[in-house]
ModelCIF file with pLDDT and N, C-alpha, C, O atoms, coordinates in Angstrom:
data_MODEL
#
_entry.id   MODEL 
#
_entity.id                         1 
_entity.type                       polymer 
_entity.pdbx_number_of_molecules   1 
#
_entity_poly.entity_id                      1 
_entity_poly.type                           'polypeptide(L)' 
_entity_poly.nstd_linkage                   no 
_entity_poly.nstd_monomer                   no 
_entity_poly.pdbx_seq_one_letter_code       
;(UNK)(UNK)(UNK)(UNK)(UNK)(UNK)(UNK)(UNK)(UNK)(UNK)(UNK)(UNK)(UNK)(UNK)(UNK)(UNK)
(UNK)(UNK)(UNK)(UNK)(UNK)(UNK)(UNK)(UNK)(UNK)(UNK)(UNK)(UNK)(UNK)(UNK)(UNK)(UNK)
(UNK)(UNK)(UNK)(UNK)(UNK)(UNK)(UNK)(UNK)(UNK)(UNK)(UNK)(UNK)(UNK)(UNK)(UNK)
;
_entity_poly.pdbx_seq_one_letter_code_can   XXXXXXXXXXXXXXXXXXXXXXXXXXXXXXXXXXXXXXXXXXXXXXX 
_entity_poly.pdbx_strand_id                 A 
#
loop_
_entity_poly_seq.entity_id 
_entity_poly_seq.num 
_entity_poly_seq.mon_id 
_entity_poly_seq.hetero 
1 1  UNK n 
1 2  UNK n 
1 3  UNK n 
1 4  UNK n 
1 5  UNK n 
1 6  UNK n 
1 7  UNK n 
1 8  UNK n 
1 9  UNK n 
1 10 UNK n 
1 11 UNK n 
1 12 UNK n 
1 13 UNK n 
1 14 UNK n 
1 15 UNK n 
1 16 UNK n 
1 17 UNK n 
1 18 UNK n 
1 19 UNK n 
1 20 UNK n 
1 21 UNK n 
1 22 UNK n 
1 23 UNK n 
1 24 UNK n 
1 25 UNK n 
1 26 UNK n 
1 27 UNK n 
1 28 UNK n 
1 29 UNK n 
1 30 UNK n 
1 31 UNK n 
1 32 UNK n 
1 33 UNK n 
1 34 UNK n 
1 35 UNK n 
1 36 UNK n 
1 37 UNK n 
1 38 UNK n 
1 39 UNK n 
1 40 UNK n 
1 41 UNK n 
1 42 UNK n 
1 43 UNK n 
1 44 UNK n 
1 45 UNK n 
1 46 UNK n 
1 47 UNK n 
#
_struct_asym.id          A 
_struct_asym.entity_id   1 
#
loop_
_ma_qa_metric.id 
_ma_qa_metric.mode 
_ma_qa_metric.name 
_ma_qa_metric.software_group_id 
_ma_qa_metric.type 
1 global pLDDT . pLDDT 
2 local  pLDDT . pLDDT 
#
_ma_qa_metric_global.metric_id      1 
_ma_qa_metric_global.metric_value   96.06 
_ma_qa_metric_global.model_id       1 
_ma_qa_metric_global.ordinal_id     1 
#
loop_
_ma_qa_metric_local.label_asym_id 
_ma_qa_metric_local.label_comp_id 
_ma_qa_metric_local.label_seq_id 
_ma_qa_metric_local.metric_id 
_ma_qa_metric_local.metric_value 
_ma_qa_metric_local.model_id 
_ma_qa_metric_local.ordinal_id 
A UNK 1  2 97.00 1 1  
A UNK 2  2 97.00 1 2  
A UNK 3  2 96.00 1 3  
A UNK 4  2 96.00 1 4  
A UNK 5  2 95.00 1 5  
A UNK 6  2 94.00 1 6  
A UNK 7  2 95.00 1 7  
A UNK 8  2 97.00 1 8  
A UNK 9  2 97.00 1 9  
A UNK 10 2 97.00 1 10 
A UNK 11 2 98.00 1 11 
A UNK 12 2 98.00 1 12 
A UNK 13 2 98.00 1 13 
A UNK 14 2 98.00 1 14 
A UNK 15 2 97.00 1 15 
A UNK 16 2 97.00 1 16 
A UNK 17 2 97.00 1 17 
A UNK 18 2 96.00 1 18 
A UNK 19 2 94.00 1 19 
A UNK 20 2 94.00 1 20 
A UNK 21 2 91.00 1 21 
A UNK 22 2 90.00 1 22 
A UNK 23 2 90.00 1 23 
A UNK 24 2 94.00 1 24 
A UNK 25 2 95.00 1 25 
A UNK 26 2 96.00 1 26 
A UNK 27 2 97.00 1 27 
A UNK 28 2 97.00 1 28 
A UNK 29 2 97.00 1 29 
A UNK 30 2 98.00 1 30 
A UNK 31 2 97.00 1 31 
A UNK 32 2 97.00 1 32 
A UNK 33 2 98.00 1 33 
A UNK 34 2 97.00 1 34 
A UNK 35 2 97.00 1 35 
A UNK 36 2 95.00 1 36 
A UNK 37 2 95.00 1 37 
A UNK 38 2 94.00 1 38 
A UNK 39 2 95.00 1 39 
A UNK 40 2 95.00 1 40 
A UNK 41 2 96.00 1 41 
A UNK 42 2 97.00 1 42 
A UNK 43 2 97.00 1 43 
A UNK 44 2 98.00 1 44 
A UNK 45 2 98.00 1 45 
A UNK 46 2 98.00 1 46 
A UNK 47 2 98.00 1 47 
#
loop_
_atom_site.group_PDB 
_atom_site.id 
_atom_site.type_symbol 
_atom_site.label_atom_id 
_atom_site.label_alt_id 
_atom_site.label_comp_id 
_atom_site.label_asym_id 
_atom_site.label_entity_id 
_atom_site.label_seq_id 
_atom_site.pdbx_PDB_ins_code 
_atom_site.Cartn_x 
_atom_site.Cartn_y 
_atom_site.Cartn_z 
_atom_site.occupancy 
_atom_site.B_iso_or_equiv 
_atom_site.pdbx_formal_charge 
_atom_site.auth_seq_id 
_atom_site.auth_comp_id 
_atom_site.auth_asym_id 
_atom_site.auth_atom_id 
_atom_site.pdbx_PDB_model_num 
ATOM 1   N N  . UNK A 1 1  ? 112.080 115.047 104.242 1.00 97.00 ? 1  UNK A N  1 
ATOM 2   C CA . UNK A 1 1  ? 112.889 115.104 105.459 1.00 97.00 ? 1  UNK A CA 1 
ATOM 3   C C  . UNK A 1 1  ? 114.081 116.059 105.350 1.00 97.00 ? 1  UNK A C  1 
ATOM 4   O O  . UNK A 1 1  ? 114.379 116.776 106.305 1.00 97.00 ? 1  UNK A O  1 
ATOM 5   N N  . UNK A 1 2  ? 114.766 116.080 104.206 1.00 97.00 ? 2  UNK A N  1 
ATOM 6   C CA . UNK A 1 2  ? 115.968 116.902 104.095 1.00 97.00 ? 2  UNK A CA 1 
ATOM 7   C C  . UNK A 1 2  ? 115.701 118.309 103.569 1.00 97.00 ? 2  UNK A C  1 
ATOM 8   O O  . UNK A 1 2  ? 116.386 119.262 103.941 1.00 97.00 ? 2  UNK A O  1 
ATOM 9   N N  . UNK A 1 3  ? 114.697 118.429 102.701 1.00 96.00 ? 3  UNK A N  1 
ATOM 10  C CA . UNK A 1 3  ? 114.426 119.730 102.078 1.00 96.00 ? 3  UNK A CA 1 
ATOM 11  C C  . UNK A 1 3  ? 113.199 120.392 102.706 1.00 96.00 ? 3  UNK A C  1 
ATOM 12  O O  . UNK A 1 3  ? 113.064 121.615 102.673 1.00 96.00 ? 3  UNK A O  1 
ATOM 13  N N  . UNK A 1 4  ? 112.313 119.588 103.273 1.00 96.00 ? 4  UNK A N  1 
ATOM 14  C CA . UNK A 1 4  ? 111.116 120.126 103.904 1.00 96.00 ? 4  UNK A CA 1 
ATOM 15  C C  . UNK A 1 4  ? 109.950 120.325 102.959 1.00 96.00 ? 4  UNK A C  1 
ATOM 16  O O  . UNK A 1 4  ? 108.940 120.919 103.337 1.00 96.00 ? 4  UNK A O  1 
ATOM 17  N N  . UNK A 1 5  ? 110.075 119.830 101.717 1.00 95.00 ? 5  UNK A N  1 
ATOM 18  C CA . UNK A 1 5  ? 109.003 119.970 100.718 1.00 95.00 ? 5  UNK A CA 1 
ATOM 19  C C  . UNK A 1 5  ? 108.956 118.727 99.841  1.00 95.00 ? 5  UNK A C  1 
ATOM 20  O O  . UNK A 1 5  ? 109.875 118.476 99.061  1.00 95.00 ? 5  UNK A O  1 
ATOM 21  N N  . UNK A 1 6  ? 107.901 117.963 99.969  1.00 94.00 ? 6  UNK A N  1 
ATOM 22  C CA . UNK A 1 6  ? 107.744 116.744 99.181  1.00 94.00 ? 6  UNK A CA 1 
ATOM 23  C C  . UNK A 1 6  ? 107.681 117.030 97.678  1.00 94.00 ? 6  UNK A C  1 
ATOM 24  O O  . UNK A 1 6  ? 108.036 116.181 96.861  1.00 94.00 ? 6  UNK A O  1 
ATOM 25  N N  . UNK A 1 7  ? 107.230 118.217 97.331  1.00 95.00 ? 7  UNK A N  1 
ATOM 26  C CA . UNK A 1 7  ? 107.031 118.588 95.931  1.00 95.00 ? 7  UNK A CA 1 
ATOM 27  C C  . UNK A 1 7  ? 108.327 118.552 95.115  1.00 95.00 ? 7  UNK A C  1 
ATOM 28  O O  . UNK A 1 7  ? 108.268 118.464 93.888  1.00 95.00 ? 7  UNK A O  1 
ATOM 29  N N  . UNK A 1 8  ? 109.487 118.617 95.759  1.00 97.00 ? 8  UNK A N  1 
ATOM 30  C CA . UNK A 1 8  ? 110.751 118.579 95.019  1.00 97.00 ? 8  UNK A CA 1 
ATOM 31  C C  . UNK A 1 8  ? 111.340 117.176 94.942  1.00 97.00 ? 8  UNK A C  1 
ATOM 32  O O  . UNK A 1 8  ? 112.529 117.016 94.664  1.00 97.00 ? 8  UNK A O  1 
ATOM 33  N N  . UNK A 1 9  ? 110.523 116.167 95.185  1.00 97.00 ? 9  UNK A N  1 
ATOM 34  C CA . UNK A 1 9  ? 110.960 114.782 95.020  1.00 97.00 ? 9  UNK A CA 1 
ATOM 35  C C  . UNK A 1 9  ? 111.438 114.500 93.609  1.00 97.00 ? 9  UNK A C  1 
ATOM 36  O O  . UNK A 1 9  ? 112.333 113.681 93.399  1.00 97.00 ? 9  UNK A O  1 
ATOM 37  N N  . UNK A 1 10 ? 110.837 115.184 92.639  1.00 97.00 ? 10 UNK A N  1 
ATOM 38  C CA . UNK A 1 10 ? 111.275 115.009 91.249  1.00 97.00 ? 10 UNK A CA 1 
ATOM 39  C C  . UNK A 1 10 ? 112.707 115.489 91.035  1.00 97.00 ? 10 UNK A C  1 
ATOM 40  O O  . UNK A 1 10 ? 113.444 114.906 90.239  1.00 97.00 ? 10 UNK A O  1 
ATOM 41  N N  . UNK A 1 11 ? 113.104 116.540 91.733  1.00 98.00 ? 11 UNK A N  1 
ATOM 42  C CA . UNK A 1 11 ? 114.464 117.046 91.592  1.00 98.00 ? 11 UNK A CA 1 
ATOM 43  C C  . UNK A 1 11 ? 115.469 116.127 92.300  1.00 98.00 ? 11 UNK A C  1 
ATOM 44  O O  . UNK A 1 11 ? 116.603 115.979 91.844  1.00 98.00 ? 11 UNK A O  1 
ATOM 45  N N  . UNK A 1 12 ? 115.054 115.517 93.404  1.00 98.00 ? 12 UNK A N  1 
ATOM 46  C CA . UNK A 1 12 ? 115.899 114.523 94.065  1.00 98.00 ? 12 UNK A CA 1 
ATOM 47  C C  . UNK A 1 12 ? 116.123 113.354 93.101  1.00 98.00 ? 12 UNK A C  1 
ATOM 48  O O  . UNK A 1 12 ? 117.246 112.882 92.928  1.00 98.00 ? 12 UNK A O  1 
ATOM 49  N N  . UNK A 1 13 ? 115.035 112.899 92.481  1.00 98.00 ? 13 UNK A N  1 
ATOM 50  C CA . UNK A 1 13 ? 115.123 111.798 91.514  1.00 98.00 ? 13 UNK A CA 1 
ATOM 51  C C  . UNK A 1 13 ? 115.997 112.188 90.320  1.00 98.00 ? 13 UNK A C  1 
ATOM 52  O O  . UNK A 1 13 ? 116.814 111.391 89.860  1.00 98.00 ? 13 UNK A O  1 
ATOM 53  N N  . UNK A 1 14 ? 115.826 113.404 89.825  1.00 98.00 ? 14 UNK A N  1 
ATOM 54  C CA . UNK A 1 14 ? 116.633 113.870 88.700  1.00 98.00 ? 14 UNK A CA 1 
ATOM 55  C C  . UNK A 1 14 ? 118.118 113.868 89.055  1.00 98.00 ? 14 UNK A C  1 
ATOM 56  O O  . UNK A 1 14 ? 118.949 113.467 88.239  1.00 98.00 ? 14 UNK A O  1 
ATOM 57  N N  . UNK A 1 15 ? 118.454 114.307 90.252  1.00 97.00 ? 15 UNK A N  1 
ATOM 58  C CA . UNK A 1 15 ? 119.850 114.280 90.680  1.00 97.00 ? 15 UNK A CA 1 
ATOM 59  C C  . UNK A 1 15 ? 120.420 112.873 90.662  1.00 97.00 ? 15 UNK A C  1 
ATOM 60  O O  . UNK A 1 15 ? 121.547 112.661 90.214  1.00 97.00 ? 15 UNK A O  1 
ATOM 61  N N  . UNK A 1 16 ? 119.643 111.908 91.150  1.00 97.00 ? 16 UNK A N  1 
ATOM 62  C CA . UNK A 1 16 ? 120.103 110.519 91.161  1.00 97.00 ? 16 UNK A CA 1 
ATOM 63  C C  . UNK A 1 16 ? 120.254 109.981 89.744  1.00 97.00 ? 16 UNK A C  1 
ATOM 64  O O  . UNK A 1 16 ? 121.256 109.338 89.429  1.00 97.00 ? 16 UNK A O  1 
ATOM 65  N N  . UNK A 1 17 ? 119.270 110.237 88.890  1.00 97.00 ? 17 UNK A N  1 
ATOM 66  C CA . UNK A 1 17 ? 119.348 109.768 87.500  1.00 97.00 ? 17 UNK A CA 1 
ATOM 67  C C  . UNK A 1 17 ? 120.550 110.390 86.804  1.00 97.00 ? 17 UNK A C  1 
ATOM 68  O O  . UNK A 1 17 ? 121.304 109.699 86.120  1.00 97.00 ? 17 UNK A O  1 
ATOM 69  N N  . UNK A 1 18 ? 120.726 111.689 86.977  1.00 96.00 ? 18 UNK A N  1 
ATOM 70  C CA . UNK A 1 18 ? 121.857 112.373 86.358  1.00 96.00 ? 18 UNK A CA 1 
ATOM 71  C C  . UNK A 1 18 ? 123.187 111.813 86.820  1.00 96.00 ? 18 UNK A C  1 
ATOM 72  O O  . UNK A 1 18 ? 124.105 111.632 86.019  1.00 96.00 ? 18 UNK A O  1 
ATOM 73  N N  . UNK A 1 19 ? 123.291 111.541 88.110  1.00 94.00 ? 19 UNK A N  1 
ATOM 74  C CA . UNK A 1 19 ? 124.530 110.974 88.648  1.00 94.00 ? 19 UNK A CA 1 
ATOM 75  C C  . UNK A 1 19 ? 124.780 109.570 88.094  1.00 94.00 ? 19 UNK A C  1 
ATOM 76  O O  . UNK A 1 19 ? 125.905 109.240 87.718  1.00 94.00 ? 19 UNK A O  1 
ATOM 77  N N  . UNK A 1 20 ? 123.734 108.750 88.044  1.00 94.00 ? 20 UNK A N  1 
ATOM 78  C CA . UNK A 1 20 ? 123.887 107.355 87.625  1.00 94.00 ? 20 UNK A CA 1 
ATOM 79  C C  . UNK A 1 20 ? 124.120 107.201 86.124  1.00 94.00 ? 20 UNK A C  1 
ATOM 80  O O  . UNK A 1 20 ? 124.909 106.352 85.708  1.00 94.00 ? 20 UNK A O  1 
ATOM 81  N N  . UNK A 1 21 ? 123.450 108.005 85.313  1.00 91.00 ? 21 UNK A N  1 
ATOM 82  C CA . UNK A 1 21 ? 123.581 107.812 83.866  1.00 91.00 ? 21 UNK A CA 1 
ATOM 83  C C  . UNK A 1 21 ? 124.834 108.469 83.302  1.00 91.00 ? 21 UNK A C  1 
ATOM 84  O O  . UNK A 1 21 ? 125.296 108.093 82.225  1.00 91.00 ? 21 UNK A O  1 
ATOM 85  N N  . UNK A 1 22 ? 125.380 109.430 84.003  1.00 90.00 ? 22 UNK A N  1 
ATOM 86  C CA . UNK A 1 22 ? 126.625 110.100 83.602  1.00 90.00 ? 22 UNK A CA 1 
ATOM 87  C C  . UNK A 1 22 ? 126.571 110.682 82.185  1.00 90.00 ? 22 UNK A C  1 
ATOM 88  O O  . UNK A 1 22 ? 127.608 110.834 81.538  1.00 90.00 ? 22 UNK A O  1 
ATOM 89  N N  . UNK A 1 23 ? 125.384 111.003 81.709  1.00 90.00 ? 23 UNK A N  1 
ATOM 90  C CA . UNK A 1 23 ? 125.225 111.560 80.359  1.00 90.00 ? 23 UNK A CA 1 
ATOM 91  C C  . UNK A 1 23 ? 125.368 113.073 80.335  1.00 90.00 ? 23 UNK A C  1 
ATOM 92  O O  . UNK A 1 23 ? 125.618 113.658 79.282  1.00 90.00 ? 23 UNK A O  1 
ATOM 93  N N  . UNK A 1 24 ? 125.209 113.711 81.493  1.00 94.00 ? 24 UNK A N  1 
ATOM 94  C CA . UNK A 1 24 ? 125.336 115.163 81.598  1.00 94.00 ? 24 UNK A CA 1 
ATOM 95  C C  . UNK A 1 24 ? 126.164 115.485 82.832  1.00 94.00 ? 24 UNK A C  1 
ATOM 96  O O  . UNK A 1 24 ? 126.213 114.699 83.778  1.00 94.00 ? 24 UNK A O  1 
ATOM 97  N N  . UNK A 1 25 ? 126.804 116.628 82.819  1.00 95.00 ? 25 UNK A N  1 
ATOM 98  C CA . UNK A 1 25 ? 127.615 117.009 83.977  1.00 95.00 ? 25 UNK A CA 1 
ATOM 99  C C  . UNK A 1 25 ? 126.709 117.545 85.087  1.00 95.00 ? 25 UNK A C  1 
ATOM 100 O O  . UNK A 1 25 ? 125.649 118.109 84.812  1.00 95.00 ? 25 UNK A O  1 
ATOM 101 N N  . UNK A 1 26 ? 127.130 117.367 86.340  1.00 96.00 ? 26 UNK A N  1 
ATOM 102 C CA . UNK A 1 26 ? 126.358 117.930 87.446  1.00 96.00 ? 26 UNK A CA 1 
ATOM 103 C C  . UNK A 1 26 ? 126.195 119.445 87.315  1.00 96.00 ? 26 UNK A C  1 
ATOM 104 O O  . UNK A 1 26 ? 125.148 119.990 87.664  1.00 96.00 ? 26 UNK A O  1 
ATOM 105 N N  . UNK A 1 27 ? 127.217 120.117 86.816  1.00 97.00 ? 27 UNK A N  1 
ATOM 106 C CA . UNK A 1 27 ? 127.151 121.571 86.658  1.00 97.00 ? 27 UNK A CA 1 
ATOM 107 C C  . UNK A 1 27 ? 126.067 121.965 85.646  1.00 97.00 ? 27 UNK A C  1 
ATOM 108 O O  . UNK A 1 27 ? 125.346 122.942 85.846  1.00 97.00 ? 27 UNK A O  1 
ATOM 109 N N  . UNK A 1 28 ? 125.963 121.196 84.566  1.00 97.00 ? 28 UNK A N  1 
ATOM 110 C CA . UNK A 1 28 ? 124.935 121.473 83.560  1.00 97.00 ? 28 UNK A CA 1 
ATOM 111 C C  . UNK A 1 28 ? 123.542 121.231 84.123  1.00 97.00 ? 28 UNK A C  1 
ATOM 112 O O  . UNK A 1 28 ? 122.612 121.985 83.839  1.00 97.00 ? 28 UNK A O  1 
ATOM 113 N N  . UNK A 1 29 ? 123.401 120.182 84.917  1.00 97.00 ? 29 UNK A N  1 
ATOM 114 C CA . UNK A 1 29 ? 122.101 119.933 85.559  1.00 97.00 ? 29 UNK A CA 1 
ATOM 115 C C  . UNK A 1 29 ? 121.734 121.089 86.486  1.00 97.00 ? 29 UNK A C  1 
ATOM 116 O O  . UNK A 1 29 ? 120.589 121.540 86.500  1.00 97.00 ? 29 UNK A O  1 
ATOM 117 N N  . UNK A 1 30 ? 122.694 121.559 87.248  1.00 98.00 ? 30 UNK A N  1 
ATOM 118 C CA . UNK A 1 30 ? 122.420 122.677 88.150  1.00 98.00 ? 30 UNK A CA 1 
ATOM 119 C C  . UNK A 1 30 ? 122.028 123.930 87.377  1.00 98.00 ? 30 UNK A C  1 
ATOM 120 O O  . UNK A 1 30 ? 121.097 124.635 87.765  1.00 98.00 ? 30 UNK A O  1 
ATOM 121 N N  . UNK A 1 31 ? 122.733 124.208 86.289  1.00 97.00 ? 31 UNK A N  1 
ATOM 122 C CA . UNK A 1 31 ? 122.390 125.383 85.480  1.00 97.00 ? 31 UNK A CA 1 
ATOM 123 C C  . UNK A 1 31 ? 120.994 125.251 84.884  1.00 97.00 ? 31 UNK A C  1 
ATOM 124 O O  . UNK A 1 31 ? 120.234 126.219 84.858  1.00 97.00 ? 31 UNK A O  1 
ATOM 125 N N  . UNK A 1 32 ? 120.655 124.059 84.409  1.00 97.00 ? 32 UNK A N  1 
ATOM 126 C CA . UNK A 1 32 ? 119.338 123.835 83.809  1.00 97.00 ? 32 UNK A CA 1 
ATOM 127 C C  . UNK A 1 32 ? 118.233 123.962 84.848  1.00 97.00 ? 32 UNK A C  1 
ATOM 128 O O  . UNK A 1 32 ? 117.177 124.525 84.563  1.00 97.00 ? 32 UNK A O  1 
ATOM 129 N N  . UNK A 1 33 ? 118.466 123.444 86.047  1.00 98.00 ? 33 UNK A N  1 
ATOM 130 C CA . UNK A 1 33 ? 117.472 123.579 87.120  1.00 98.00 ? 33 UNK A CA 1 
ATOM 131 C C  . UNK A 1 33 ? 117.256 125.052 87.440  1.00 98.00 ? 33 UNK A C  1 
ATOM 132 O O  . UNK A 1 33 ? 116.117 125.515 87.495  1.00 98.00 ? 33 UNK A O  1 
ATOM 133 N N  . UNK A 1 34 ? 118.334 125.783 87.649  1.00 97.00 ? 34 UNK A N  1 
ATOM 134 C CA . UNK A 1 34 ? 118.227 127.206 88.009  1.00 97.00 ? 34 UNK A CA 1 
ATOM 135 C C  . UNK A 1 34 ? 117.500 128.008 86.937  1.00 97.00 ? 34 UNK A C  1 
ATOM 136 O O  . UNK A 1 34 ? 116.780 128.956 87.251  1.00 97.00 ? 34 UNK A O  1 
ATOM 137 N N  . UNK A 1 35 ? 117.685 127.632 85.670  1.00 97.00 ? 35 UNK A N  1 
ATOM 138 C CA . UNK A 1 35 ? 117.043 128.357 84.567  1.00 97.00 ? 35 UNK A CA 1 
ATOM 139 C C  . UNK A 1 35 ? 115.587 127.961 84.374  1.00 97.00 ? 35 UNK A C  1 
ATOM 140 O O  . UNK A 1 35 ? 114.804 128.772 83.880  1.00 97.00 ? 35 UNK A O  1 
ATOM 141 N N  . UNK A 1 36 ? 115.196 126.752 84.742  1.00 95.00 ? 36 UNK A N  1 
ATOM 142 C CA . UNK A 1 36 ? 113.873 126.215 84.420  1.00 95.00 ? 36 UNK A CA 1 
ATOM 143 C C  . UNK A 1 36 ? 112.833 126.400 85.528  1.00 95.00 ? 36 UNK A C  1 
ATOM 144 O O  . UNK A 1 36 ? 111.662 126.638 85.232  1.00 95.00 ? 36 UNK A O  1 
ATOM 145 N N  . UNK A 1 37 ? 113.234 126.297 86.787  1.00 95.00 ? 37 UNK A N  1 
ATOM 146 C CA . UNK A 1 37 ? 112.243 126.326 87.876  1.00 95.00 ? 37 UNK A CA 1 
ATOM 147 C C  . UNK A 1 37 ? 111.710 127.744 88.088  1.00 95.00 ? 37 UNK A C  1 
ATOM 148 O O  . UNK A 1 37 ? 112.360 128.711 87.692  1.00 95.00 ? 37 UNK A O  1 
ATOM 149 N N  . UNK A 1 38 ? 110.536 127.878 88.706  1.00 94.00 ? 38 UNK A N  1 
ATOM 150 C CA . UNK A 1 38 ? 109.973 129.215 88.941  1.00 94.00 ? 38 UNK A CA 1 
ATOM 151 C C  . UNK A 1 38 ? 110.911 130.090 89.778  1.00 94.00 ? 38 UNK A C  1 
ATOM 152 O O  . UNK A 1 38 ? 111.578 129.615 90.697  1.00 94.00 ? 38 UNK A O  1 
ATOM 153 N N  . UNK A 1 39 ? 110.940 131.359 89.438  1.00 95.00 ? 39 UNK A N  1 
ATOM 154 C CA . UNK A 1 39 ? 111.776 132.322 90.168  1.00 95.00 ? 39 UNK A CA 1 
ATOM 155 C C  . UNK A 1 39 ? 111.448 132.263 91.653  1.00 95.00 ? 39 UNK A C  1 
ATOM 156 O O  . UNK A 1 39 ? 110.284 132.209 92.050  1.00 95.00 ? 39 UNK A O  1 
ATOM 157 N N  . UNK A 1 40 ? 112.484 132.275 92.452  1.00 95.00 ? 40 UNK A N  1 
ATOM 158 C CA . UNK A 1 40 ? 112.307 132.212 93.899  1.00 95.00 ? 40 UNK A CA 1 
ATOM 159 C C  . UNK A 1 40 ? 112.400 130.804 94.461  1.00 95.00 ? 40 UNK A C  1 
ATOM 160 O O  . UNK A 1 40 ? 112.501 130.630 95.675  1.00 95.00 ? 40 UNK A O  1 
ATOM 161 N N  . UNK A 1 41 ? 112.367 129.786 93.586  1.00 96.00 ? 41 UNK A N  1 
ATOM 162 C CA . UNK A 1 41 ? 112.448 128.396 94.062  1.00 96.00 ? 41 UNK A CA 1 
ATOM 163 C C  . UNK A 1 41 ? 113.783 127.741 93.684  1.00 96.00 ? 41 UNK A C  1 
ATOM 164 O O  . UNK A 1 41 ? 113.973 126.543 93.890  1.00 96.00 ? 41 UNK A O  1 
ATOM 165 N N  . UNK A 1 42 ? 114.688 128.527 93.140  1.00 97.00 ? 42 UNK A N  1 
ATOM 166 C CA . UNK A 1 42 ? 115.964 127.958 92.686  1.00 97.00 ? 42 UNK A CA 1 
ATOM 167 C C  . UNK A 1 42 ? 116.707 127.246 93.814  1.00 97.00 ? 42 UNK A C  1 
ATOM 168 O O  . UNK A 1 42 ? 117.197 126.132 93.628  1.00 97.00 ? 42 UNK A O  1 
ATOM 169 N N  . UNK A 1 43 ? 116.791 127.878 94.970  1.00 97.00 ? 43 UNK A N  1 
ATOM 170 C CA . UNK A 1 43 ? 117.562 127.306 96.077  1.00 97.00 ? 43 UNK A CA 1 
ATOM 171 C C  . UNK A 1 43 ? 117.002 125.960 96.518  1.00 97.00 ? 43 UNK A C  1 
ATOM 172 O O  . UNK A 1 43 ? 117.755 124.997 96.660  1.00 97.00 ? 43 UNK A O  1 
ATOM 173 N N  . UNK A 1 44 ? 115.717 125.880 96.730  1.00 98.00 ? 44 UNK A N  1 
ATOM 174 C CA . UNK A 1 44 ? 115.112 124.627 97.210  1.00 98.00 ? 44 UNK A CA 1 
ATOM 175 C C  . UNK A 1 44 ? 115.265 123.516 96.164  1.00 98.00 ? 44 UNK A C  1 
ATOM 176 O O  . UNK A 1 44 ? 115.510 122.364 96.520  1.00 98.00 ? 44 UNK A O  1 
ATOM 177 N N  . UNK A 1 45 ? 115.125 123.851 94.890  1.00 98.00 ? 45 UNK A N  1 
ATOM 178 C CA . UNK A 1 45 ? 115.262 122.852 93.834  1.00 98.00 ? 45 UNK A CA 1 
ATOM 179 C C  . UNK A 1 45 ? 116.714 122.399 93.679  1.00 98.00 ? 45 UNK A C  1 
ATOM 180 O O  . UNK A 1 45 ? 116.969 121.217 93.448  1.00 98.00 ? 45 UNK A O  1 
ATOM 181 N N  . UNK A 1 46 ? 117.655 123.311 93.802  1.00 98.00 ? 46 UNK A N  1 
ATOM 182 C CA . UNK A 1 46 ? 119.070 122.941 93.721  1.00 98.00 ? 46 UNK A CA 1 
ATOM 183 C C  . UNK A 1 46 ? 119.484 122.084 94.913  1.00 98.00 ? 46 UNK A C  1 
ATOM 184 O O  . UNK A 1 46 ? 120.269 121.148 94.760  1.00 98.00 ? 46 UNK A O  1 
ATOM 185 N N  . UNK A 1 47 ? 118.967 122.393 96.086  1.00 98.00 ? 47 UNK A N  1 
ATOM 186 C CA . UNK A 1 47 ? 119.252 121.557 97.257  1.00 98.00 ? 47 UNK A CA 1 
ATOM 187 C C  . UNK A 1 47 ? 118.701 120.153 97.051  1.00 98.00 ? 47 UNK A C  1 
ATOM 188 O O  . UNK A 1 47 ? 118.841 119.300 97.927  1.00 98.00 ? 47 UNK A O  1 
#
């Protein structure tokens, strides 16, 4: 509904886990997502 792609449900879940466990900073999660996902999909995964 918010991103328009069900395939990024894992990234939504990762954001929630990262926020709840407080083991990593949000900035580090964002950097890791941008570095790991396929080129061209960074924006949708970060959203």
